[in-house]
């Protein structure tokens, strides 16, 4: 993740070689998107989403791509 963060370009893209791979099938990971039914938005998901938003808001002045 740290390598990815340091290599983000102005379009918020990273080099393809830094895309994580699944440890089981070795396919490239997907971003968190709703492409099938297993996506779960339970109470824990909502809490983590809120935590993330608070973190971004707290540090947005220190993050160069915002």
Protein backbone atom coordinates (compact mmCIF):
# COMPACT_ATOMS: atom_id res chain seq x y z
CA UNK A 1 0.00 0.00 0.00
CA UNK A 2 2.76 2.43 0.80
CA UNK A 3 4.34 1.88 -2.62
CA UNK A 4 0.96 2.45 -4.22
CA UNK A 5 0.44 5.69 -2.32
CA UNK A 6 3.78 7.06 -3.40
CA UNK A 7 3.15 6.22 -7.06
CA UNK A 8 -0.36 7.68 -7.52
CA UNK A 9 -0.42 10.04 -10.47
CA UNK A 10 -2.64 13.08 -11.09
CA UNK A 11 -5.40 10.84 -12.45
CA UNK A 12 -5.29 8.80 -9.21
CA UNK A 13 -3.87 5.82 -11.07
CA UNK A 14 -1.07 3.51 -10.02
CA UNK A 15 1.30 1.41 -12.13
CA UNK A 16 -0.30 -1.87 -13.14
CA UNK A 17 2.58 -3.80 -11.57
CA UNK A 18 1.48 -2.57 -8.12
CA UNK A 19 -2.08 -3.93 -8.35
CA UNK A 20 -2.39 -6.55 -5.59
CA UNK A 21 -3.07 -10.16 -6.54
CA UNK A 22 -5.28 -12.73 -4.90
CA UNK A 23 -3.17 -15.17 -2.87
CA UNK A 24 -5.43 -18.06 -3.95
CA UNK A 25 -5.89 -17.67 -7.72
CA UNK A 26 -3.27 -14.97 -8.46
CA UNK A 27 -5.76 -12.83 -10.38
CA UNK A 28 -5.47 -9.07 -10.02
CA UNK A 29 -7.62 -7.64 -7.29
CA UNK A 30 -10.57 -5.42 -8.10
CA UNK A 31 -11.35 -2.13 -6.47
CA UNK A 32 -14.18 -2.13 -3.97
CA UNK A 33 -17.12 -2.12 -6.35
CA UNK A 34 -20.55 -3.64 -6.62
CA UNK A 35 -20.15 -6.06 -9.48
CA UNK A 36 -21.88 -9.07 -7.92
CA UNK A 37 -24.10 -10.15 -5.02
CA UNK A 38 -21.45 -10.84 -2.33
CA UNK A 39 -20.94 -7.15 -1.63
CA UNK A 40 -22.03 -6.61 1.97
CA UNK A 41 -22.95 -3.31 3.59
CA UNK A 42 -23.56 -4.38 7.14
CA UNK A 43 -23.18 -2.30 10.31
CA UNK A 44 -19.44 -2.97 10.40
CA UNK A 45 -19.04 -1.82 6.79
CA UNK A 46 -20.91 1.42 7.51
CA UNK A 47 -18.81 2.09 10.60
CA UNK A 48 -15.58 1.49 8.70
CA UNK A 49 -16.76 3.74 5.89
CA UNK A 50 -17.47 6.50 8.37
CA UNK A 51 -14.06 5.98 10.00
CA UNK A 52 -12.38 6.26 6.62
CA UNK A 53 -14.22 9.47 5.74
CA UNK A 54 -13.20 10.99 9.07
CA UNK A 55 -9.59 10.00 8.50
CA UNK A 56 -9.52 11.55 5.02
CA UNK A 57 -11.14 14.71 6.30
CA UNK A 58 -8.65 14.96 9.18
CA UNK A 59 -5.57 14.58 6.96
CA UNK A 60 -6.74 15.98 3.64
CA UNK A 61 -4.45 19.00 3.91
CA UNK A 62 -1.43 16.71 4.26
CA UNK A 63 -2.32 14.43 1.35
CA UNK A 64 -0.91 15.93 -1.83
CA UNK A 65 -3.42 14.47 -4.31
CA UNK A 66 -6.46 16.03 -2.65
